[in-house]
Amino acid sequence: MSLKVALIAGSSRRHSQSAKVAHYLAGRLRALDLSQAAHVIDLGSAPLPLWPAEDANGLWADHAALLREADAVVMVVPEWHGMASPAVKNVFVHAGLRELGHKPALLVGVSAGLGGAYPLSELRASSYKNCRVCYLPEQLIVRQVEAVMNGDSAASTEDLRIRERADWALAMLSHYAQALRSVRRQVDMGRAEFANGM
């Protein structure tokens, strides 16, 4: 069963390392036959207006349509000064139950150095409340990102290791996506009085 997966490249920079990682993972989803409909939402080339500014170009409508259709989400999150990027945080004030509710999401940290963990902890703590996204207990952290995931073949043992870990995590995401389809059919997400989390 082929899944629809939306991958969000969370850097506001064009041609970012986060976008590179997102496109690599989309390619792996296709190569592993986990998804033939893996779409990258690159916040560097198609940035959302900072909430609550008007979305004059209608980009959120395009992004939201991809998220609503998706069975699963991959959040590729760059670490900026130990925090999640503003572009990523901005997604969560745009997205709600219709886009992310009860959908599995794989968090992927990106760091030019040896960091990358803090933004994922930040998102686990504060981003799920109203949208009800379901983060996997597994995550990826792509460290020294400029040296890995650059071509068809691994350039080092570290590159090979993160590629193998990525394949394993994407397979796990697909299992969660299949399981949570039935959950979304059964959960009543239309109760206005419970629209926001506690």
C-alpha atoms as a PDB file:
ATOM      1  CA  MET A   1       0.000   0.000   0.000  1.00  0.00           C
ATOM      2  CA  SER A   2       1.676   3.208  -1.178  1.00  0.00           C
ATOM      3  CA  LEU A   3       1.414   6.109   1.215  1.00  0.00           C
ATOM      4  CA  LYS A   4       1.217   9.843   0.616  1.00  0.00           C
ATOM      5  CA  VAL A   5       3.970  11.602   2.526  1.00  0.00           C
ATOM      6  CA  ALA A   6       4.585  15.334   2.928  1.00  0.00           C
ATOM      7  CA  LEU A   7       8.136  16.340   3.795  1.00  0.00           C
ATOM      8  CA  ILE A   8       8.619  19.837   5.202  1.00  0.00           C
ATOM      9  CA  ALA A   9      12.067  21.360   4.657  1.00  0.00           C
ATOM     10  CA  GLY A  10      12.088  23.831   7.524  1.00  0.00           C
ATOM     11  CA  SER A  11      14.766  26.311   6.537  1.00  0.00           C
ATOM     12  CA  SER A  12      13.823  29.748   5.228  1.00  0.00           C
ATOM     13  CA  ARG A  13      17.007  29.766   3.132  1.00  0.00           C
ATOM     14  CA  ARG A  14      16.939  28.839  -0.545  1.00  0.00           C
ATOM     15  CA  HIS A  15      18.971  25.770  -1.531  1.00  0.00           C
ATOM     16  CA  SER A  16      19.346  24.818   2.123  1.00  0.00           C
ATOM     17  CA  GLN A  17      20.849  21.682   3.587  1.00  0.00           C
ATOM     18  CA  SER A  18      17.413  20.972   5.090  1.00  0.00           C
ATOM     19  CA  ALA A  19      15.925  20.943   1.588  1.00  0.00           C
ATOM     20  CA  LYS A  20      18.720  18.630   0.448  1.00  0.00           C
ATOM     21  CA  VAL A  21      17.901  16.200   3.255  1.00  0.00           C
ATOM     22  CA  ALA A  22      14.154  16.409   2.560  1.00  0.00           C
ATOM     23  CA  HIS A  23      14.671  15.621  -1.123  1.00  0.00           C
ATOM     24  CA  TYR A  24      17.023  12.774  -0.245  1.00  0.00           C
ATOM     25  CA  LEU A  25      14.410  11.268   2.093  1.00  0.00           C
ATOM     26  CA  ALA A  26      11.662  11.702  -0.510  1.00  0.00           C
ATOM     27  CA  GLY A  27      13.852   9.785  -2.948  1.00  0.00           C
ATOM     28  CA  ARG A  28      14.390   7.022  -0.408  1.00  0.00           C
ATOM     29  CA  LEU A  29      10.631   6.738   0.208  1.00  0.00           C
ATOM     30  CA  ARG A  30      10.207   6.127  -3.518  1.00  0.00           C
ATOM     31  CA  ALA A  31      13.212   3.802  -3.823  1.00  0.00           C
ATOM     32  CA  LEU A  32      12.019   1.673  -0.894  1.00  0.00           C
ATOM     33  CA  ASP A  33       8.532   1.563  -2.448  1.00  0.00           C
ATOM     34  CA  LEU A  34       7.044   3.140   0.670  1.00  0.00           C
ATOM     35  CA  SER A  35       5.550   6.113  -1.180  1.00  0.00           C
ATOM     36  CA  GLN A  36       5.234   7.075  -4.806  1.00  0.00           C
ATOM     37  CA  ALA A  37       3.597  10.332  -3.661  1.00  0.00           C
ATOM     38  CA  ALA A  38       6.310  11.941  -1.533  1.00  0.00           C
ATOM     39  CA  HIS A  39       6.117  15.719  -1.855  1.00  0.00           C
ATOM     40  CA  VAL A  40       8.604  18.221  -0.430  1.00  0.00           C
ATOM     41  CA  ILE A  41       7.313  21.519   0.943  1.00  0.00           C
ATOM     42  CA  ASP A  42      10.412  23.711   0.860  1.00  0.00           C
ATOM     43  CA  LEU A  43       9.915  26.715   3.125  1.00  0.00           C
ATOM     44  CA  GLY A  44      12.983  28.333   1.574  1.00  0.00           C
ATOM     45  CA  SER A  45      11.626  28.417  -1.970  1.00  0.00           C
ATOM     46  CA  ALA A  46       7.935  28.689  -0.969  1.00  0.00           C
ATOM     47  CA  PRO A  47       7.928  30.560   2.372  1.00  0.00           C
ATOM     48  CA  LEU A  48       4.805  31.070   4.406  1.00  0.00           C
ATOM     49  CA  PRO A  49       4.008  34.592   5.588  1.00  0.00           C
ATOM     50  CA  LEU A  50       4.815  35.076   9.243  1.00  0.00           C
ATOM     51  CA  TRP A  51       1.580  34.604  11.171  1.00  0.00           C
ATOM     52  CA  PRO A  52      -0.771  36.523  11.217  1.00  0.00           C
ATOM     53  CA  ALA A  53       0.265  38.352   8.029  1.00  0.00           C
ATOM     54  CA  GLU A  54      -1.952  37.908   4.992  1.00  0.00           C
ATOM     55  CA  ASP A  55      -1.037  35.044   2.658  1.00  0.00           C
ATOM     56  CA  ALA A  56      -1.198  37.198  -0.458  1.00  0.00           C
ATOM     57  CA  ASN A  57       0.335  34.534  -2.717  1.00  0.00           C
ATOM     58  CA  GLY A  58      -1.903  31.709  -1.507  1.00  0.00           C
ATOM     59  CA  LEU A  59       1.029  29.494  -0.555  1.00  0.00           C
ATOM     60  CA  TRP A  60      -0.624  28.154   2.571  1.00  0.00           C
ATOM     61  CA  ALA A  61      -3.536  26.821   0.504  1.00  0.00           C
ATOM     62  CA  ASP A  62      -1.069  24.807  -1.601  1.00  0.00           C
ATOM     63  CA  HIS A  63       0.878  23.539   1.415  1.00  0.00           C
ATOM     64  CA  ALA A  64      -2.307  22.750   3.340  1.00  0.00           C
ATOM     65  CA  ALA A  65      -3.711  20.707   0.456  1.00  0.00           C
ATOM     66  CA  LEU A  66      -0.581  18.524   0.418  1.00  0.00           C
ATOM     67  CA  LEU A  67      -0.715  18.095   4.193  1.00  0.00           C
ATOM     68  CA  ARG A  68      -4.415  17.193   4.199  1.00  0.00           C
ATOM     69  CA  GLU A  69      -3.821  14.484   1.597  1.00  0.00           C
ATOM     70  CA  ALA A  70      -0.762  13.084   3.383  1.00  0.00           C
ATOM     71  CA  ASP A  71      -0.859   9.896   5.429  1.00  0.00           C
ATOM     72  CA  ALA A  72       2.377  10.885   7.179  1.00  0.00           C
ATOM     73  CA  VAL A  73       4.715  13.836   7.596  1.00  0.00           C
ATOM     74  CA  VAL A  74       8.484  14.228   7.799  1.00  0.00           C
ATOM     75  CA  MET A  75       9.601  17.431   9.537  1.00  0.00           C
ATOM     76  CA  VAL A  76      13.174  18.364   8.567  1.00  0.00           C
ATOM     77  CA  VAL A  77      14.224  20.901  11.182  1.00  0.00           C
ATOM     78  CA  PRO A  78      17.458  22.923  11.038  1.00  0.00           C
ATOM     79  CA  GLU A  79      19.087  23.959  14.280  1.00  0.00           C
ATOM     80  CA  TRP A  80      19.574  27.702  14.496  1.00  0.00           C
ATOM     81  CA  HIS A  81      21.265  28.851  17.698  1.00  0.00           C
ATOM     82  CA  GLY A  82      20.018  25.720  19.462  1.00  0.00           C
ATOM     83  CA  MET A  83      16.401  26.317  18.427  1.00  0.00           C
ATOM     84  CA  ALA A  84      13.945  25.252  15.756  1.00  0.00           C
ATOM     85  CA  SER A  85      13.884  27.711  12.877  1.00  0.00           C
ATOM     86  CA  PRO A  86      11.150  30.363  12.784  1.00  0.00           C
ATOM     87  CA  ALA A  87       9.848  28.928   9.494  1.00  0.00           C
ATOM     88  CA  VAL A  88       9.137  25.594  11.191  1.00  0.00           C
ATOM     89  CA  LYS A  89       7.417  27.159  14.194  1.00  0.00           C
ATOM     90  CA  ASN A  90       5.348  29.265  11.810  1.00  0.00           C
ATOM     91  CA  VAL A  91       3.963  26.084  10.176  1.00  0.00           C
ATOM     92  CA  PHE A  92       2.325  25.115  13.447  1.00  0.00           C
ATOM     93  CA  VAL A  93       0.340  28.338  13.754  1.00  0.00           C
ATOM     94  CA  HIS A  94      -0.980  27.761  10.229  1.00  0.00           C
ATOM     95  CA  ALA A  95      -1.640  24.011  10.457  1.00  0.00           C
ATOM     96  CA  GLY A  96      -4.404  22.448  12.495  1.00  0.00           C
ATOM     97  CA  LEU A  97      -6.352  19.234  12.868  1.00  0.00           C
ATOM     98  CA  ARG A  98      -7.332  19.084   9.206  1.00  0.00           C
ATOM     99  CA  GLU A  99      -3.699  19.109   8.101  1.00  0.00           C
ATOM    100  CA  LEU A 100      -1.914  17.166  10.830  1.00  0.00           C
ATOM    101  CA  GLY A 101      -4.473  15.664  13.207  1.00  0.00           C
ATOM    102  CA  HIS A 102      -3.558  12.138  14.333  1.00  0.00           C
ATOM    103  CA  LYS A 103      -0.967  11.714  11.584  1.00  0.00           C
ATOM    104  CA  PRO A 104       2.449  10.220  12.306  1.00  0.00           C
ATOM    105  CA  ALA A 105       5.409  12.531  11.916  1.00  0.00           C
ATOM    106  CA  LEU A 106       9.101  11.716  11.800  1.00  0.00           C
ATOM    107  CA  LEU A 107      11.300  14.473  13.204  1.00  0.00           C
ATOM    108  CA  VAL A 108      14.621  14.979  11.433  1.00  0.00           C
ATOM    109  CA  GLY A 109      17.161  17.343  12.949  1.00  0.00           C
ATOM    110  CA  VAL A 110      19.782  19.020  10.762  1.00  0.00           C
ATOM    111  CA  SER A 111      23.034  20.446  12.064  1.00  0.00           C
ATOM    112  CA  ALA A 112      26.163  21.745  10.371  1.00  0.00           C
ATOM    113  CA  GLY A 113      28.073  20.565  13.450  1.00  0.00           C
ATOM    114  CA  LEU A 114      27.369  17.996  16.150  1.00  0.00           C
ATOM    115  CA  GLY A 115      24.079  19.457  17.438  1.00  0.00           C
ATOM    116  CA  GLY A 116      20.556  19.007  16.159  1.00  0.00           C
ATOM    117  CA  ALA A 117      18.771  17.536  19.187  1.00  0.00           C
ATOM    118  CA  TYR A 118      17.402  20.672  20.870  1.00  0.00           C
ATOM    119  CA  PRO A 119      14.985  21.712  18.077  1.00  0.00           C
ATOM    120  CA  LEU A 120      13.415  18.253  18.136  1.00  0.00           C
ATOM    121  CA  SER A 121      12.878  18.461  21.894  1.00  0.00           C
ATOM    122  CA  GLU A 122      11.396  21.916  21.396  1.00  0.00           C
ATOM    123  CA  LEU A 123       8.878  20.646  18.843  1.00  0.00           C
ATOM    124  CA  ARG A 124       7.964  17.620  20.960  1.00  0.00           C
ATOM    125  CA  ALA A 125       7.250  19.970  23.865  1.00  0.00           C
ATOM    126  CA  SER A 126       5.270  22.718  22.180  1.00  0.00           C
ATOM    127  CA  SER A 127       4.056  22.057  18.646  1.00  0.00           C
ATOM    128  CA  TYR A 128       1.525  19.226  18.880  1.00  0.00           C
ATOM    129  CA  LYS A 129      -1.059  20.710  21.272  1.00  0.00           C
ATOM    130  CA  ASN A 130      -3.697  22.009  18.864  1.00  0.00           C
ATOM    131  CA  CYS A 131      -2.833  20.173  15.662  1.00  0.00           C
ATOM    132  CA  ARG A 132      -2.572  16.740  17.393  1.00  0.00           C
ATOM    133  CA  VAL A 133       0.325  15.577  15.223  1.00  0.00           C
ATOM    134  CA  CYS A 134       1.709  12.235  16.481  1.00  0.00           C
ATOM    135  CA  TYR A 135       5.490  12.275  16.631  1.00  0.00           C
ATOM    136  CA  LEU A 136       7.170   8.910  16.331  1.00  0.00           C
ATOM    137  CA  PRO A 137       9.265   7.858  19.325  1.00  0.00           C
ATOM    138  CA  GLU A 138      12.081   7.520  16.785  1.00  0.00           C
ATOM    139  CA  GLN A 139      13.909  10.506  15.258  1.00  0.00           C
ATOM    140  CA  LEU A 140      16.846  11.228  12.983  1.00  0.00           C
ATOM    141  CA  ILE A 141      19.610  13.754  13.548  1.00  0.00           C
ATOM    142  CA  VAL A 142      21.720  14.503  10.486  1.00  0.00           C
ATOM    143  CA  ARG A 143      24.955  15.920  11.889  1.00  0.00           C
ATOM    144  CA  GLN A 144      27.797  17.382   9.804  1.00  0.00           C
ATOM    145  CA  VAL A 145      25.060  17.643   7.178  1.00  0.00           C
ATOM    146  CA  GLU A 146      27.232  19.123   4.442  1.00  0.00           C
ATOM    147  CA  ALA A 147      29.272  15.899   4.321  1.00  0.00           C
ATOM    148  CA  VAL A 148      26.407  13.393   4.074  1.00  0.00           C
ATOM    149  CA  MET A 149      23.466  12.513   1.794  1.00  0.00           C
ATOM    150  CA  ASN A 150      25.119  14.197  -1.195  1.00  0.00           C
ATOM    151  CA  GLY A 151      24.999  11.576  -3.933  1.00  0.00           C
ATOM    152  CA  ASP A 152      23.886   8.085  -4.780  1.00  0.00           C
ATOM    153  CA  SER A 153      26.723   6.459  -2.803  1.00  0.00           C
ATOM    154  CA  ALA A 154      27.840   7.024   0.770  1.00  0.00           C
ATOM    155  CA  ALA A 155      31.035   9.054   1.037  1.00  0.00           C
ATOM    156  CA  SER A 156      32.058   7.765   4.494  1.00  0.00           C
ATOM    157  CA  THR A 157      31.112   5.342   7.252  1.00  0.00           C
ATOM    158  CA  GLU A 158      29.184   8.167   8.952  1.00  0.00           C
ATOM    159  CA  ASP A 159      27.283   8.838   5.724  1.00  0.00           C
ATOM    160  CA  LEU A 160      26.458   5.132   5.337  1.00  0.00           C
ATOM    161  CA  ARG A 161      25.302   4.928   8.941  1.00  0.00           C
ATOM    162  CA  ILE A 162      22.848   7.841   8.679  1.00  0.00           C
ATOM    163  CA  ARG A 163      21.553   6.553   5.331  1.00  0.00           C
ATOM    164  CA  GLU A 164      20.833   3.133   6.845  1.00  0.00           C
ATOM    165  CA  ARG A 165      19.234   4.724   9.902  1.00  0.00           C
ATOM    166  CA  ALA A 166      17.092   6.909   7.639  1.00  0.00           C
ATOM    167  CA  ASP A 167      15.801   3.885   5.705  1.00  0.00           C
ATOM    168  CA  TRP A 168      14.935   2.146   8.979  1.00  0.00           C
ATOM    169  CA  ALA A 169      13.106   5.227  10.322  1.00  0.00           C
ATOM    170  CA  LEU A 170      11.173   5.726   7.078  1.00  0.00           C
ATOM    171  CA  ALA A 171      10.019   2.105   7.179  1.00  0.00           C
ATOM    172  CA  MET A 172       8.841   2.682  10.760  1.00  0.00           C
ATOM    173  CA  LEU A 173       6.985   5.799   9.643  1.00  0.00           C
ATOM    174  CA  SER A 174       5.170   3.775   7.001  1.00  0.00           C
ATOM    175  CA  HIS A 175       3.998   1.241   9.612  1.00  0.00           C
ATOM    176  CA  TYR A 176       2.666   4.015  11.828  1.00  0.00           C
ATOM    177  CA  ALA A 177       0.970   5.669   8.843  1.00  0.00           C
ATOM    178  CA  GLN A 178      -0.884   2.503   7.940  1.00  0.00           C
ATOM    179  CA  ALA A 179      -1.949   1.914  11.552  1.00  0.00           C
ATOM    180  CA  LEU A 180      -3.128   5.482  12.178  1.00  0.00           C
ATOM    181  CA  ARG A 181      -5.349   5.577   9.095  1.00  0.00           C
ATOM    182  CA  SER A 182      -7.992   3.626  11.007  1.00  0.00           C
ATOM    183  CA  VAL A 183      -7.530   5.845  14.076  1.00  0.00           C
ATOM    184  CA  ARG A 184      -8.290   8.967  12.030  1.00  0.00           C
ATOM    185  CA  ARG A 185     -11.456   7.342  10.684  1.00  0.00           C
ATOM    186  CA  GLN A 186     -12.688   6.646  14.225  1.00  0.00           C
ATOM    187  CA  VAL A 187     -11.688   9.811  16.108  1.00  0.00           C
ATOM    188  CA  ASP A 188     -14.302  12.563  16.105  1.00  0.00           C
ATOM    189  CA  MET A 189     -12.325  15.629  15.077  1.00  0.00           C
ATOM    190  CA  GLY A 190     -15.385  17.781  14.468  1.00  0.00           C
ATOM    191  CA  ARG A 191     -16.183  18.710  18.078  1.00  0.00           C
ATOM    192  CA  ALA A 192     -15.726  22.491  18.193  1.00  0.00           C
ATOM    193  CA  GLU A 193     -15.545  22.555  21.981  1.00  0.00           C
ATOM    194  CA  PHE A 194     -12.522  20.241  21.880  1.00  0.00           C
ATOM    195  CA  ALA A 195     -10.798  21.830  18.882  1.00  0.00           C
ATOM    196  CA  ASN A 196      -7.846  22.985  21.002  1.00  0.00           C
ATOM    197  CA  GLY A 197      -5.681  20.814  23.192  1.00  0.00           C
ATOM    198  CA  MET A 198      -5.374  21.263  26.925  1.00  0.00           C
END
